């Protein structure tokens, strides 16, 4: 009886297959991974982050997000709000409210970088 219970429990565990270590080692990186590596190695990723921060501050987006956080904290009570709560509330609003002009500028910067490394 005990053996049967153990077998049933093991059969009910649904785990993804573990990749073979040898296969993982010989796997070719994806184009996205290659671009990300080049962005990091060249320092371009940091430069783009700084540019994005600057643009979001200039257009008032950053202040808008602060106001949303303050409003949420005031509504919930300062002592009962966690960082996770704020992230959950602000993420969809923040992503939706980034101006299209900034998105276009960042996309153009990334495209220029990719063209310059000739992938």
PDB file of N, CA and C in Angstrom:
ATOM      1  N   UNK A   1       0.825  -1.184   0.000  1.00  0.00           N
ATOM      2  CA  UNK A   1       0.000   0.000   0.000  1.00  0.00           C
ATOM      3  C   UNK A   1       0.875   1.256   0.000  1.00  0.00           C
ATOM      4  N   UNK A   2       1.881   1.313   0.834  1.00  0.00           N
ATOM      5  CA  UNK A   2       2.760   2.467   0.909  1.00  0.00           C
ATOM      6  C   UNK A   2       3.463   2.705  -0.426  1.00  0.00           C
ATOM      7  N   UNK A   3       3.939   1.657  -1.045  1.00  0.00           N
ATOM      8  CA  UNK A   3       4.621   1.759  -2.324  1.00  0.00           C
ATOM      9  C   UNK A   3       3.687   2.349  -3.387  1.00  0.00           C
ATOM     10  N   UNK A   4       2.443   1.958  -3.361  1.00  0.00           N
ATOM     11  CA  UNK A   4       1.470   2.465  -4.314  1.00  0.00           C
ATOM     12  C   UNK A   4       1.264   3.967  -4.131  1.00  0.00           C
ATOM     13  N   UNK A   5       1.185   4.418  -2.902  1.00  0.00           N
ATOM     14  CA  UNK A   5       0.993   5.834  -2.626  1.00  0.00           C
ATOM     15  C   UNK A   5       2.182   6.667  -3.130  1.00  0.00           C
ATOM     16  N   UNK A   6       3.374   6.153  -2.939  1.00  0.00           N
ATOM     17  CA  UNK A   6       4.569   6.853  -3.379  1.00  0.00           C
ATOM     18  C   UNK A   6       4.575   6.964  -4.902  1.00  0.00           C
ATOM     19  N   UNK A   7       4.222   5.919  -5.577  1.00  0.00           N
ATOM     20  CA  UNK A   7       4.196   5.916  -7.033  1.00  0.00           C
ATOM     21  C   UNK A   7       3.158   6.906  -7.538  1.00  0.00           C
ATOM     22  N   UNK A   8       2.013   6.953  -6.912  1.00  0.00           N
ATOM     23  CA  UNK A   8       0.964   7.884  -7.319  1.00  0.00           C
ATOM     24  C   UNK A   8       1.429   9.315  -7.114  1.00  0.00           C
ATOM     25  N   UNK A   9       2.054   9.608  -6.015  1.00  0.00           N
ATOM     26  CA  UNK A   9       2.538  10.962  -5.768  1.00  0.00           C
ATOM     27  C   UNK A   9       3.590  11.363  -6.797  1.00  0.00           C
ATOM     28  N   UNK A  10       4.494  10.477  -7.091  1.00  0.00           N
ATOM     29  CA  UNK A  10       5.531  10.807  -8.067  1.00  0.00           C
ATOM     30  C   UNK A  10       4.942  11.016  -9.451  1.00  0.00           C
ATOM     31  N   UNK A  11       3.960  10.219  -9.793  1.00  0.00           N
ATOM     32  CA  UNK A  11       3.342  10.356 -11.099  1.00  0.00           C
ATOM     33  C   UNK A  11       2.560  11.658 -11.219  1.00  0.00           C
ATOM     34  N   UNK A  12       2.103  12.192 -10.099  1.00  0.00           N
ATOM     35  CA  UNK A  12       1.301  13.407 -10.157  1.00  0.00           C
ATOM     36  C   UNK A  12       2.137  14.671 -10.244  1.00  0.00           C
ATOM     37  N   UNK A  13       3.425  14.576  -9.993  1.00  0.00           N
ATOM     38  CA  UNK A  13       4.292  15.746 -10.072  1.00  0.00           C
ATOM     39  C   UNK A  13       4.575  16.029 -11.540  1.00  0.00           C
ATOM     40  N   UNK A  14       4.231  17.238 -11.958  1.00  0.00           N
ATOM     41  CA  UNK A  14       4.446  17.612 -13.359  1.00  0.00           C
ATOM     42  C   UNK A  14       5.577  18.613 -13.423  1.00  0.00           C
ATOM     43  N   UNK A  15       6.684  18.165 -13.896  1.00  0.00           N
ATOM     44  CA  UNK A  15       7.854  19.013 -14.038  1.00  0.00           C
ATOM     45  C   UNK A  15       8.274  19.032 -15.497  1.00  0.00           C
ATOM     46  N   UNK A  16       8.820  20.147 -15.946  1.00  0.00           N
ATOM     47  CA  UNK A  16       9.333  20.153 -17.314  1.00  0.00           C
ATOM     48  C   UNK A  16      10.571  19.274 -17.382  1.00  0.00           C
ATOM     49  N   UNK A  17      10.847  18.719 -18.531  1.00  0.00           N
ATOM     50  CA  UNK A  17      12.042  17.879 -18.636  1.00  0.00           C
ATOM     51  C   UNK A  17      13.299  18.703 -18.385  1.00  0.00           C
ATOM     52  N   UNK A  18      14.240  18.107 -17.696  1.00  0.00           N
ATOM     53  CA  UNK A  18      15.498  18.774 -17.409  1.00  0.00           C
ATOM     54  C   UNK A  18      16.369  18.716 -18.659  1.00  0.00           C
ATOM     55  N   UNK A  19      16.844  19.871 -19.119  1.00  0.00           N
ATOM     56  CA  UNK A  19      17.674  19.843 -20.328  1.00  0.00           C
ATOM     57  C   UNK A  19      18.987  19.124 -20.050  1.00  0.00           C
ATOM     58  N   UNK A  20      19.437  18.409 -21.012  1.00  0.00           N
ATOM     59  CA  UNK A  20      20.696  17.705 -20.903  1.00  0.00           C
ATOM     60  C   UNK A  20      21.820  18.745 -20.852  1.00  0.00           C
ATOM     61  N   UNK A  21      22.673  18.653 -19.885  1.00  0.00           N
ATOM     62  CA  UNK A  21      23.742  19.641 -19.691  1.00  0.00           C
ATOM     63  C   UNK A  21      24.612  19.755 -20.937  1.00  0.00           C
ATOM     64  N   UNK A  22      24.839  18.655 -21.584  1.00  0.00           N
ATOM     65  CA  UNK A  22      25.669  18.649 -22.793  1.00  0.00           C
ATOM     66  C   UNK A  22      24.976  19.416 -23.920  1.00  0.00           C
ATOM     67  N   UNK A  23      23.663  19.219 -24.077  1.00  0.00           N
ATOM     68  CA  UNK A  23      22.913  19.929 -25.110  1.00  0.00           C
ATOM     69  C   UNK A  23      22.932  21.427 -24.847  1.00  0.00           C
ATOM     70  N   UNK A  24      22.728  21.829 -23.604  1.00  0.00           N
ATOM     71  CA  UNK A  24      22.688  23.236 -23.231  1.00  0.00           C
ATOM     72  C   UNK A  24      24.036  23.908 -23.523  1.00  0.00           C
ATOM     73  N   UNK A  25      25.107  23.180 -23.298  1.00  0.00           N
ATOM     74  CA  UNK A  25      26.443  23.723 -23.512  1.00  0.00           C
ATOM     75  C   UNK A  25      26.706  23.993 -24.995  1.00  0.00           C
ATOM     76  N   UNK A  26      26.189  23.166 -25.878  1.00  0.00           N
ATOM     77  CA  UNK A  26      26.464  23.285 -27.307  1.00  0.00           C
ATOM     78  C   UNK A  26      25.387  24.060 -28.064  1.00  0.00           C
ATOM     79  N   UNK A  27      24.418  24.591 -27.360  1.00  0.00           N
ATOM     80  CA  UNK A  27      23.332  25.322 -27.992  1.00  0.00           C
ATOM     81  C   UNK A  27      23.849  26.653 -28.528  1.00  0.00           C
ATOM     82  N   UNK A  28      23.438  27.007 -29.721  1.00  0.00           N
ATOM     83  CA  UNK A  28      23.804  28.296 -30.310  1.00  0.00           C
ATOM     84  C   UNK A  28      22.942  29.388 -29.693  1.00  0.00           C
ATOM     85  N   UNK A  29      23.525  30.552 -29.386  1.00  0.00           N
ATOM     86  CA  UNK A  29      22.718  31.645 -28.823  1.00  0.00           C
ATOM     87  C   UNK A  29      21.745  32.178 -29.874  1.00  0.00           C
ATOM     88  N   UNK A  30      20.592  32.635 -29.421  1.00  0.00           N
ATOM     89  CA  UNK A  30      19.599  33.210 -30.327  1.00  0.00           C
ATOM     90  C   UNK A  30      20.058  34.595 -30.751  1.00  0.00           C
ATOM     91  N   UNK A  31      19.429  35.126 -31.776  1.00  0.00           N
ATOM     92  CA  UNK A  31      19.767  36.463 -32.243  1.00  0.00           C
ATOM     93  C   UNK A  31      19.530  37.490 -31.140  1.00  0.00           C
ATOM     94  N   UNK A  32      18.435  37.324 -30.401  1.00  0.00           N
ATOM     95  CA  UNK A  32      18.137  38.232 -29.297  1.00  0.00           C
ATOM     96  C   UNK A  32      19.246  38.178 -28.244  1.00  0.00           C
ATOM     97  N   UNK A  33      19.730  36.981 -27.926  1.00  0.00           N
ATOM     98  CA  UNK A  33      20.809  36.844 -26.945  1.00  0.00           C
ATOM     99  C   UNK A  33      22.102  37.487 -27.449  1.00  0.00           C
ATOM    100  N   UNK A  34      22.383  37.331 -28.725  1.00  0.00           N
ATOM    101  CA  UNK A  34      23.595  37.913 -29.310  1.00  0.00           C
ATOM    102  C   UNK A  34      23.529  39.439 -29.235  1.00  0.00           C
ATOM    103  N   UNK A  35      22.377  39.996 -29.608  1.00  0.00           N
ATOM    104  CA  UNK A  35      22.204  41.454 -29.565  1.00  0.00           C
ATOM    105  C   UNK A  35      22.350  41.964 -28.136  1.00  0.00           C
ATOM    106  N   UNK A  36      21.734  41.265 -27.184  1.00  0.00           N
ATOM    107  CA  UNK A  36      21.825  41.675 -25.780  1.00  0.00           C
ATOM    108  C   UNK A  36      23.272  41.645 -25.290  1.00  0.00           C
ATOM    109  N   UNK A  37      23.998  40.632 -25.645  1.00  0.00           N
ATOM    110  CA  UNK A  37      25.408  40.522 -25.251  1.00  0.00           C
ATOM    111  C   UNK A  37      26.208  41.689 -25.824  1.00  0.00           C
ATOM    112  N   UNK A  38      25.988  41.986 -27.106  1.00  0.00           N
ATOM    113  CA  UNK A  38      26.714  43.088 -27.750  1.00  0.00           C
ATOM    114  C   UNK A  38      26.342  44.441 -27.127  1.00  0.00           C
ATOM    115  N   UNK A  39      25.055  44.606 -26.786  1.00  0.00           N
ATOM    116  CA  UNK A  39      24.623  45.851 -26.131  1.00  0.00           C
ATOM    117  C   UNK A  39      25.356  46.039 -24.806  1.00  0.00           C
ATOM    118  N   UNK A  40      25.462  44.973 -24.043  1.00  0.00           N
ATOM    119  CA  UNK A  40      26.114  45.040 -22.734  1.00  0.00           C
ATOM    120  C   UNK A  40      27.616  45.273 -22.892  1.00  0.00           C
ATOM    121  N   UNK A  41      28.246  44.474 -23.744  1.00  0.00           N
ATOM    122  CA  UNK A  41      29.699  44.568 -23.915  1.00  0.00           C
ATOM    123  C   UNK A  41      30.153  45.941 -24.418  1.00  0.00           C
ATOM    124  N   UNK A  42      29.347  46.540 -25.271  1.00  0.00           N
ATOM    125  CA  UNK A  42      29.733  47.827 -25.846  1.00  0.00           C
ATOM    126  C   UNK A  42      29.408  49.014 -24.934  1.00  0.00           C
ATOM    127  N   UNK A  43      28.597  48.764 -23.903  1.00  0.00           N
ATOM    128  CA  UNK A  43      28.174  49.851 -23.034  1.00  0.00           C
ATOM    129  C   UNK A  43      26.951  50.580 -23.558  1.00  0.00           C
ATOM    130  N   UNK A  44      26.459  50.149 -24.711  1.00  0.00           N
ATOM    131  CA  UNK A  44      25.314  50.798 -25.338  1.00  0.00           C
ATOM    132  C   UNK A  44      24.036  50.621 -24.514  1.00  0.00           C
ATOM    133  N   UNK A  45      23.906  49.495 -23.842  1.00  0.00           N
ATOM    134  CA  UNK A  45      22.708  49.260 -23.032  1.00  0.00           C
ATOM    135  C   UNK A  45      22.601  50.301 -21.922  1.00  0.00           C
ATOM    136  N   UNK A  46      23.695  50.587 -21.245  1.00  0.00           N
ATOM    137  CA  UNK A  46      23.710  51.605 -20.189  1.00  0.00           C
ATOM    138  C   UNK A  46      23.407  52.977 -20.764  1.00  0.00           C
ATOM    139  N   UNK A  47      23.985  53.280 -21.914  1.00  0.00           N
ATOM    140  CA  UNK A  47      23.736  54.574 -22.550  1.00  0.00           C
ATOM    141  C   UNK A  47      22.260  54.725 -22.904  1.00  0.00           C
ATOM    142  N   UNK A  48      21.653  53.667 -23.433  1.00  0.00           N
ATOM    143  CA  UNK A  48      20.238  53.715 -23.789  1.00  0.00           C
ATOM    144  C   UNK A  48      19.351  53.851 -22.553  1.00  0.00           C
ATOM    145  N   UNK A  49      19.734  53.190 -21.469  1.00  0.00           N
ATOM    146  CA  UNK A  49      18.972  53.322 -20.217  1.00  0.00           C
ATOM    147  C   UNK A  49      18.999  54.768 -19.731  1.00  0.00           C
ATOM    148  N   UNK A  50      20.163  55.377 -19.770  1.00  0.00           N
ATOM    149  CA  UNK A  50      20.300  56.766 -19.328  1.00  0.00           C
ATOM    150  C   UNK A  50      19.498  57.704 -20.230  1.00  0.00           C
ATOM    151  N   UNK A  51      19.541  57.472 -21.528  1.00  0.00           N
ATOM    152  CA  UNK A  51      18.776  58.282 -22.462  1.00  0.00           C
ATOM    153  C   UNK A  51      17.274  58.144 -22.187  1.00  0.00           C
ATOM    154  N   UNK A  52      16.828  56.937 -21.939  1.00  0.00           N
ATOM    155  CA  UNK A  52      15.419  56.699 -21.638  1.00  0.00           C
ATOM    156  C   UNK A  52      15.006  57.415 -20.357  1.00  0.00           C
ATOM    157  N   UNK A  53      15.819  57.310 -19.318  1.00  0.00           N
ATOM    158  CA  UNK A  53      15.521  58.014 -18.066  1.00  0.00           C
ATOM    159  C   UNK A  53      15.402  59.515 -18.292  1.00  0.00           C
ATOM    160  N   UNK A  54      16.336  60.045 -19.058  1.00  0.00           N
ATOM    161  CA  UNK A  54      16.346  61.480 -19.344  1.00  0.00           C
ATOM    162  C   UNK A  54      15.076  61.902 -20.088  1.00  0.00           C
ATOM    163  N   UNK A  55      14.713  61.152 -21.117  1.00  0.00           N
ATOM    164  CA  UNK A  55      13.520  61.480 -21.905  1.00  0.00           C
ATOM    165  C   UNK A  55      12.239  61.366 -21.074  1.00  0.00           C
ATOM    166  N   UNK A  56      12.145  60.335 -20.235  1.00  0.00           N
ATOM    167  CA  UNK A  56      10.946  60.154 -19.414  1.00  0.00           C
ATOM    168  C   UNK A  56      10.821  61.263 -18.365  1.00  0.00           C
ATOM    169  N   UNK A  57      11.941  61.731 -17.867  1.00  0.00           N
ATOM    170  CA  UNK A  57      11.925  62.839 -16.905  1.00  0.00           C
ATOM    171  C   UNK A  57      11.508  64.129 -17.606  1.00  0.00           C
ATOM    172  N   UNK A  58      12.076  64.370 -18.795  1.00  0.00           N
ATOM    173  CA  UNK A  58      11.770  65.590 -19.551  1.00  0.00           C
ATOM    174  C   UNK A  58      10.283  65.722 -19.879  1.00  0.00           C
ATOM    175  N   UNK A  59       9.638  64.613 -20.215  1.00  0.00           N
ATOM    176  CA  UNK A  59       8.235  64.684 -20.644  1.00  0.00           C
ATOM    177  C   UNK A  59       7.253  64.637 -19.475  1.00  0.00           C
ATOM    178  N   UNK A  60       7.761  64.475 -18.255  1.00  0.00           N
ATOM    179  CA  UNK A  60       6.883  64.467 -17.086  1.00  0.00           C
ATOM    180  C   UNK A  60       6.356  63.098 -16.700  1.00  0.00           C
ATOM    181  N   UNK A  61       6.745  62.080 -17.425  1.00  0.00           N
ATOM    182  CA  UNK A  61       6.284  60.718 -17.148  1.00  0.00           C
ATOM    183  C   UNK A  61       6.688  60.283 -15.745  1.00  0.00           C
ATOM    184  N   UNK A  62       7.912  60.571 -15.381  1.00  0.00           N
ATOM    185  CA  UNK A  62       8.422  60.161 -14.071  1.00  0.00           C
ATOM    186  C   UNK A  62       7.604  60.799 -12.942  1.00  0.00           C
ATOM    187  N   UNK A  63       7.291  62.074 -13.073  1.00  0.00           N
ATOM    188  CA  UNK A  63       6.476  62.755 -12.063  1.00  0.00           C
ATOM    189  C   UNK A  63       5.060  62.173 -11.999  1.00  0.00           C
ATOM    190  N   UNK A  64       4.517  61.824 -13.166  1.00  0.00           N
ATOM    191  CA  UNK A  64       3.190  61.198 -13.200  1.00  0.00           C
ATOM    192  C   UNK A  64       3.187  59.878 -12.436  1.00  0.00           C
ATOM    193  N   UNK A  65       4.243  59.094 -12.611  1.00  0.00           N
ATOM    194  CA  UNK A  65       4.326  57.801 -11.925  1.00  0.00           C
ATOM    195  C   UNK A  65       4.475  57.992 -10.415  1.00  0.00           C
ATOM    196  N   UNK A  66       5.240  59.020 -10.026  1.00  0.00           N
ATOM    197  CA  UNK A  66       5.369  59.333  -8.592  1.00  0.00           C
ATOM    198  C   UNK A  66       4.018  59.698  -8.003  1.00  0.00           C
ATOM    199  N   UNK A  67       3.251  60.497  -8.747  1.00  0.00           N
ATOM    200  CA  UNK A  67       1.929  60.899  -8.271  1.00  0.00           C
ATOM    201  C   UNK A  67       1.000  59.694  -8.102  1.00  0.00           C
ATOM    202  N   UNK A  68       1.066  58.768  -9.044  1.00  0.00           N
ATOM    203  CA  UNK A  68       0.244  57.554  -8.945  1.00  0.00           C
ATOM    204  C   UNK A  68       0.646  56.751  -7.712  1.00  0.00           C
ATOM    205  N   UNK A  69       1.930  56.632  -7.457  1.00  0.00           N
ATOM    206  CA  UNK A  69       2.418  55.896  -6.280  1.00  0.00           C
ATOM    207  C   UNK A  69       1.970  56.584  -4.989  1.00  0.00           C
ATOM    208  N   UNK A  70       2.119  57.885  -4.951  1.00  0.00           N
ATOM    209  CA  UNK A  70       1.703  58.628  -3.750  1.00  0.00           C
ATOM    210  C   UNK A  70       0.211  58.477  -3.499  1.00  0.00           C
ATOM    211  N   UNK A  71      -0.571  58.573  -4.560  1.00  0.00           N
ATOM    212  CA  UNK A  71      -2.024  58.438  -4.442  1.00  0.00           C
ATOM    213  C   UNK A  71      -2.401  57.050  -3.934  1.00  0.00           C
ATOM    214  N   UNK A  72      -1.743  56.036  -4.464  1.00  0.00           N
ATOM    215  CA  UNK A  72      -2.012  54.660  -4.029  1.00  0.00           C
ATOM    216  C   UNK A  72      -1.622  54.468  -2.561  1.00  0.00           C
ATOM    217  N   UNK A  73      -0.477  55.021  -2.184  1.00  0.00           N
ATOM    218  CA  UNK A  73      -0.015  54.895  -0.796  1.00  0.00           C
ATOM    219  C   UNK A  73      -0.962  55.622   0.160  1.00  0.00           C
ATOM    220  N   UNK A  74      -1.439  56.772  -0.254  1.00  0.00           N
ATOM    221  CA  UNK A  74      -2.367  57.527   0.576  1.00  0.00           C
ATOM    222  C   UNK A  74      -3.688  56.771   0.736  1.00  0.00           C
ATOM    223  N   UNK A  75      -4.161  56.184  -0.342  1.00  0.00           N
ATOM    224  CA  UNK A  75      -5.417  55.438  -0.332  1.00  0.00           C
ATOM    225  C   UNK A  75      -5.326  54.179   0.532  1.00  0.00           C
ATOM    226  N   UNK A  76      -4.229  53.466   0.416  1.00  0.00           N
ATOM    227  CA  UNK A  76      -4.047  52.208   1.146  1.00  0.00           C
ATOM    228  C   UNK A  76      -3.535  52.404   2.563  1.00  0.00           C
ATOM    229  N   UNK A  77      -2.910  53.519   2.811  1.00  0.00           N
ATOM    230  CA  UNK A  77      -2.260  53.738   4.099  1.00  0.00           C
ATOM    231  C   UNK A  77      -0.772  53.501   3.944  1.00  0.00           C
ATOM    232  N   UNK A  78       0.011  54.472   4.313  1.00  0.00           N
ATOM    233  CA  UNK A  78       1.460  54.409   4.091  1.00  0.00           C
ATOM    234  C   UNK A  78       2.122  53.157   4.647  1.00  0.00           C
ATOM    235  N   UNK A  79       1.675  52.719   5.817  1.00  0.00           N
ATOM    236  CA  UNK A  79       2.339  51.592   6.470  1.00  0.00           C
ATOM    237  C   UNK A  79       1.926  50.235   5.905  1.00  0.00           C
ATOM    238  N   UNK A  80       0.864  50.205   5.121  1.00  0.00           N
ATOM    239  CA  UNK A  80       0.413  48.913   4.603  1.00  0.00           C
ATOM    240  C   UNK A  80       0.757  48.703   3.127  1.00  0.00           C
ATOM    241  N   UNK A  81       1.422  49.648   2.507  1.00  0.00           N
ATOM    242  CA  UNK A  81       1.790  49.521   1.094  1.00  0.00           C
ATOM    243  C   UNK A  81       3.194  48.934   0.987  1.00  0.00           C
ATOM    244  N   UNK A  82       3.333  47.946   0.106  1.00  0.00           N
ATOM    245  CA  UNK A  82       4.644  47.349  -0.132  1.00  0.00           C
ATOM    246  C   UNK A  82       5.138  47.756  -1.517  1.00  0.00           C
ATOM    247  N   UNK A  83       6.385  47.527  -1.748  1.00  0.00           N
ATOM    248  CA  UNK A  83       6.966  47.800  -3.060  1.00  0.00           C
ATOM    249  C   UNK A  83       6.263  46.946  -4.111  1.00  0.00           C
ATOM    250  N   UNK A  84       5.987  45.689  -3.774  1.00  0.00           N
ATOM    251  CA  UNK A  84       5.292  44.806  -4.714  1.00  0.00           C
ATOM    252  C   UNK A  84       3.919  45.361  -5.085  1.00  0.00           C
ATOM    253  N   UNK A  85       3.200  45.929  -4.106  1.00  0.00           N
ATOM    254  CA  UNK A  85       1.903  46.559  -4.395  1.00  0.00           C
ATOM    255  C   UNK A  85       2.074  47.683  -5.413  1.00  0.00           C
ATOM    256  N   UNK A  86       3.054  48.532  -5.171  1.00  0.00           N
ATOM    257  CA  UNK A  86       3.282  49.656  -6.069  1.00  0.00           C
ATOM    258  C   UNK A  86       3.664  49.193  -7.470  1.00  0.00           C
ATOM    259  N   UNK A  87       4.516  48.199  -7.548  1.00  0.00           N
ATOM    260  CA  UNK A  87       4.919  47.669  -8.854  1.00  0.00           C
ATOM    261  C   UNK A  87       3.699  47.112  -9.583  1.00  0.00           C
ATOM    262  N   UNK A  88       2.864  46.389  -8.870  1.00  0.00           N
ATOM    263  CA  UNK A  88       1.662  45.801  -9.470  1.00  0.00           C
ATOM    264  C   UNK A  88       0.720  46.881  -9.997  1.00  0.00           C
ATOM    265  N   UNK A  89       0.573  47.964  -9.267  1.00  0.00           N
ATOM    266  CA  UNK A  89      -0.323  49.050  -9.662  1.00  0.00           C
ATOM    267  C   UNK A  89       0.269  49.885 -10.797  1.00  0.00           C
ATOM    268  N   UNK A  90       1.534  50.182 -10.701  1.00  0.00           N
ATOM    269  CA  UNK A  90       2.126  51.157 -11.620  1.00  0.00           C
ATOM    270  C   UNK A  90       2.585  50.566 -12.953  1.00  0.00           C
ATOM    271  N   UNK A  91       2.945  49.304 -12.989  1.00  0.00           N
ATOM    272  CA  UNK A  91       3.510  48.719 -14.210  1.00  0.00           C
ATOM    273  C   UNK A  91       2.604  48.871 -15.434  1.00  0.00           C
ATOM    274  N   UNK A  92       1.340  48.429 -15.366  1.00  0.00           N
ATOM    275  CA  UNK A  92       0.511  48.575 -16.575  1.00  0.00           C
ATOM    276  C   UNK A  92       0.296  50.046 -16.974  1.00  0.00           C
ATOM    277  N   UNK A  93       0.110  50.908 -15.992  1.00  0.00           N
ATOM    278  CA  UNK A  93      -0.096  52.333 -16.281  1.00  0.00           C
ATOM    279  C   UNK A  93       1.173  52.952 -16.851  1.00  0.00           C
ATOM    280  N   UNK A  94       2.294  52.578 -16.282  1.00  0.00           N
ATOM    281  CA  UNK A  94       3.565  53.129 -16.741  1.00  0.00           C
ATOM    282  C   UNK A  94       3.890  52.734 -18.167  1.00  0.00           C
ATOM    283  N   UNK A  95       3.703  51.468 -18.482  1.00  0.00           N
ATOM    284  CA  UNK A  95       3.986  51.006 -19.840  1.00  0.00           C
ATOM    285  C   UNK A  95       3.063  51.655 -20.855  1.00  0.00           C
ATOM    286  N   UNK A  96       1.804  51.781 -20.497  1.00  0.00           N
ATOM    287  CA  UNK A  96       0.814  52.339 -21.422  1.00  0.00           C
ATOM    288  C   UNK A  96       1.011  53.838 -21.641  1.00  0.00           C
ATOM    289  N   UNK A  97       1.633  54.513 -20.694  1.00  0.00           N
ATOM    290  CA  UNK A  97       1.720  55.967 -20.789  1.00  0.00           C
ATOM    291  C   UNK A  97       3.053  56.508 -21.311  1.00  0.00           C
ATOM    292  N   UNK A  98       3.960  55.625 -21.712  1.00  0.00           N
ATOM    293  CA  UNK A  98       5.212  56.099 -22.317  1.00  0.00           C
ATOM    294  C   UNK A  98       4.856  56.705 -23.672  1.00  0.00           C
ATOM    295  N   UNK A  99       5.239  57.945 -23.909  1.00  0.00           N
ATOM    296  CA  UNK A  99       4.896  58.600 -25.183  1.00  0.00           C
ATOM    297  C   UNK A  99       5.442  57.834 -26.395  1.00  0.00           C
ATOM    298  N   UNK A 100       4.640  57.809 -27.447  1.00  0.00           N
ATOM    299  CA  UNK A 100       5.042  57.110 -28.673  1.00  0.00           C
ATOM    300  C   UNK A 100       6.330  57.673 -29.252  1.00  0.00           C
ATOM    301  N   UNK A 101       6.549  58.960 -29.097  1.00  0.00           N
ATOM    302  CA  UNK A 101       7.767  59.576 -29.631  1.00  0.00           C
ATOM    303  C   UNK A 101       9.019  59.001 -28.954  1.00  0.00           C
ATOM    304  N   UNK A 102       8.912  58.731 -27.674  1.00  0.00           N
ATOM    305  CA  UNK A 102      10.052  58.158 -26.948  1.00  0.00           C
ATOM    306  C   UNK A 102      10.262  56.711 -27.373  1.00  0.00           C
ATOM    307  N   UNK A 103       9.181  55.975 -27.512  1.00  0.00           N
ATOM    308  CA  UNK A 103       9.295  54.586 -27.990  1.00  0.00           C
ATOM    309  C   UNK A 103       9.961  54.558 -29.365  1.00  0.00           C
ATOM    310  N   UNK A 104       9.530  55.447 -30.253  1.00  0.00           N
ATOM    311  CA  UNK A 104      10.093  55.497 -31.605  1.00  0.00           C
ATOM    312  C   UNK A 104      11.575  55.854 -31.570  1.00  0.00           C
ATOM    313  N   UNK A 105      11.938  56.815 -30.718  1.00  0.00           N
ATOM    314  CA  UNK A 105      13.337  57.217 -30.608  1.00  0.00           C
ATOM    315  C   UNK A 105      14.205  56.057 -30.111  1.00  0.00           C
ATOM    316  N   UNK A 106      13.727  55.358 -29.094  1.00  0.00           N
ATOM    317  CA  UNK A 106      14.503  54.232 -28.552  1.00  0.00           C
ATOM    318  C   UNK A 106      14.638  53.116 -29.594  1.00  0.00           C
ATOM    319  N   UNK A 107      13.554  52.839 -30.300  1.00  0.00           N
ATOM    320  CA  UNK A 107      13.590  51.811 -31.337  1.00  0.00           C
ATOM    321  C   UNK A 107      14.591  52.187 -32.426  1.00  0.00           C
ATOM    322  N   UNK A 108      14.603  53.452 -32.815  1.00  0.00           N
ATOM    323  CA  UNK A 108      15.551  53.910 -33.828  1.00  0.00           C
ATOM    324  C   UNK A 108      16.995  53.777 -33.334  1.00  0.00           C
ATOM    325  N   UNK A 109      17.227  54.093 -32.079  1.00  0.00           N
ATOM    326  CA  UNK A 109      18.572  53.955 -31.500  1.00  0.00           C
ATOM    327  C   UNK A 109      19.027  52.492 -31.531  1.00  0.00           C
ATOM    328  N   UNK A 110      18.118  51.585 -31.182  1.00  0.00           N
ATOM    329  CA  UNK A 110      18.450  50.155 -31.176  1.00  0.00           C
ATOM    330  C   UNK A 110      18.711  49.668 -32.597  1.00  0.00           C
ATOM    331  N   UNK A 111      17.877  50.091 -33.537  1.00  0.00           N
ATOM    332  CA  UNK A 111      18.076  49.701 -34.948  1.00  0.00           C
ATOM    333  C   UNK A 111      19.419  50.201 -35.468  1.00  0.00           C
ATOM    334  N   UNK A 112      19.774  51.416 -35.124  1.00  0.00           N
ATOM    335  CA  UNK A 112      21.066  51.974 -35.555  1.00  0.00           C
ATOM    336  C   UNK A 112      22.221  51.162 -34.977  1.00  0.00           C
ATOM    337  N   UNK A 113      22.084  50.776 -33.715  1.00  0.00           N
ATOM    338  CA  UNK A 113      23.135  49.973 -33.079  1.00  0.00           C
ATOM    339  C   UNK A 113      23.291  48.634 -33.801  1.00  0.00           C
ATOM    340  N   UNK A 114      22.156  47.985 -34.074  1.00  0.00           N
ATOM    341  CA  UNK A 114      22.198  46.678 -34.742  1.00  0.00           C
ATOM    342  C   UNK A 114      22.832  46.820 -36.123  1.00  0.00           C
ATOM    343  N   UNK A 115      22.481  47.876 -36.833  1.00  0.00           N
ATOM    344  CA  UNK A 115      23.080  48.107 -38.160  1.00  0.00           C
ATOM    345  C   UNK A 115      24.579  48.338 -38.053  1.00  0.00           C
ATOM    346  N   UNK A 116      24.999  49.007 -36.989  1.00  0.00           N
ATOM    347  CA  UNK A 116      26.428  49.315 -36.834  1.00  0.00           C
ATOM    348  C   UNK A 116      27.273  48.088 -36.507  1.00  0.00           C
ATOM    349  N   UNK A 117      26.660  47.076 -35.895  1.00  0.00           N
ATOM    350  CA  UNK A 117      27.428  45.863 -35.593  1.00  0.00           C
ATOM    351  C   UNK A 117      27.279  44.821 -36.682  1.00  0.00           C
ATOM    352  N   UNK A 118      26.482  45.134 -37.687  1.00  0.00           N
ATOM    353  CA  UNK A 118      26.326  44.300 -38.894  1.00  0.00           C
ATOM    354  C   UNK A 118      25.986  42.850 -38.579  1.00  0.00           C
ATOM    355  N   UNK A 119      24.841  42.674 -37.928  1.00  0.00           N
ATOM    356  CA  UNK A 119      24.385  41.292 -37.658  1.00  0.00           C
ATOM    357  C   UNK A 119      23.707  40.702 -38.840  1.00  0.00           C
TER     358      UNK A 119
END
